[in-house]
Amino acid sequence: MKSLNRALVILLSFIIKSYQVSVSPFLGQNCRFDPSCSNYALASIRTKGALVGVFLSIKRILKCNPLHPGGHDPVK
């Protein structure tokens, strides 16, 4: 099970880094949070594991909207 989690962490990290390099530069700095949502996703997946990290990332992305004030929100 640990090796499956490790493989998923590597795969998800690759996908997020690819997004940061290829898509994010064209979108500009729009995230209202620090760290940005993609950096938060990377940190949460690497520190909490694939399943919990994806859950935290989705929760964070859903908060990234005009109705939420944003601000400093590190992975806890």
Protein backbone atom coordinates (compact mmCIF):
# COMPACT_ATOMS: atom_id res chain seq x y z
CA MET A 1 0.00 0.00 0.00
CA LYS A 2 2.88 2.36 0.77
CA SER A 3 4.38 1.87 -2.68
CA LEU A 4 1.01 2.64 -4.32
CA ASN A 5 0.72 5.85 -2.29
CA ARG A 6 4.30 6.79 -3.21
CA ALA A 7 3.60 6.17 -6.90
CA LEU A 8 0.45 8.31 -6.74
CA VAL A 9 2.34 11.11 -4.98
CA ILE A 10 4.99 11.07 -7.72
CA LEU A 11 2.36 11.02 -10.49
CA LEU A 12 0.27 13.81 -8.96
CA SER A 13 3.37 15.91 -8.29
CA PHE A 14 4.39 15.52 -11.94
CA ILE A 15 0.91 16.59 -13.12
CA ILE A 16 0.86 19.66 -10.85
CA LYS A 17 4.42 20.69 -11.80
CA SER A 18 3.52 20.28 -15.48
CA TYR A 19 0.51 22.55 -14.94
CA GLN A 20 2.70 25.13 -13.16
CA VAL A 21 5.20 25.19 -16.03
CA SER A 22 2.90 24.94 -19.04
CA VAL A 23 -0.49 26.46 -18.12
CA SER A 24 -0.07 28.69 -15.08
CA PRO A 25 2.26 31.27 -16.72
CA PHE A 26 -0.46 32.09 -19.25
CA LEU A 27 -3.15 32.54 -16.57
CA GLY A 28 -1.21 35.01 -14.43
CA GLN A 29 -1.26 35.41 -10.64
CA ASN A 30 -4.95 35.00 -9.83
CA CYS A 31 -4.91 32.94 -6.66
CA ARG A 32 -6.12 34.81 -3.61
CA PHE A 33 -4.21 32.53 -1.26
CA ASP A 34 -0.61 32.25 -0.13
CA PRO A 35 0.75 29.74 -1.05
CA SER A 36 -0.97 29.48 -4.42
CA CYS A 37 -3.47 26.66 -4.88
CA SER A 38 -1.06 24.61 -6.99
CA ASN A 39 1.76 25.01 -4.45
CA TYR A 40 -0.71 24.12 -1.69
CA ALA A 41 -1.72 21.00 -3.63
CA LEU A 42 1.93 19.97 -4.03
CA ALA A 43 2.65 20.48 -0.33
CA SER A 44 -0.50 18.71 0.85
CA ILE A 45 0.06 15.69 -1.40
CA ARG A 46 3.72 15.40 -0.40
CA THR A 47 3.11 15.80 3.34
CA LYS A 48 -0.28 14.12 3.84
CA GLY A 49 -0.19 11.45 1.14
CA ALA A 50 -2.14 11.10 -2.08
CA LEU A 51 -5.68 10.56 -0.76
CA VAL A 52 -5.72 13.19 2.00
CA GLY A 53 -3.67 15.58 -0.13
CA VAL A 54 -6.14 15.41 -3.02
CA PHE A 55 -9.05 15.96 -0.60
CA LEU A 56 -7.33 19.02 0.94
CA SER A 57 -6.46 20.36 -2.52
CA ILE A 58 -10.04 20.09 -3.77
CA LYS A 59 -11.31 21.73 -0.59
CA ARG A 60 -8.83 24.58 -1.10
CA ILE A 61 -9.68 25.06 -4.79
CA LEU A 62 -13.38 25.28 -3.91
CA LYS A 63 -12.55 28.10 -1.46
CA CYS A 64 -10.66 30.04 -4.15
CA ASN A 65 -13.52 32.27 -5.29
CA PRO A 66 -14.63 35.90 -4.94
CA LEU A 67 -16.75 35.10 -1.86
CA HIS A 68 -13.73 34.00 0.19
CA PRO A 69 -11.22 36.60 1.43
CA GLY A 70 -8.18 34.35 0.85
CA GLY A 71 -4.95 35.13 2.70
CA HIS A 72 -2.24 32.98 4.23
CA ASP A 73 -3.39 29.34 4.39
CA PRO A 74 -0.55 26.83 4.76
CA VAL A 75 -1.02 23.06 4.86
CA LYS A 76 -1.79 22.02 8.43
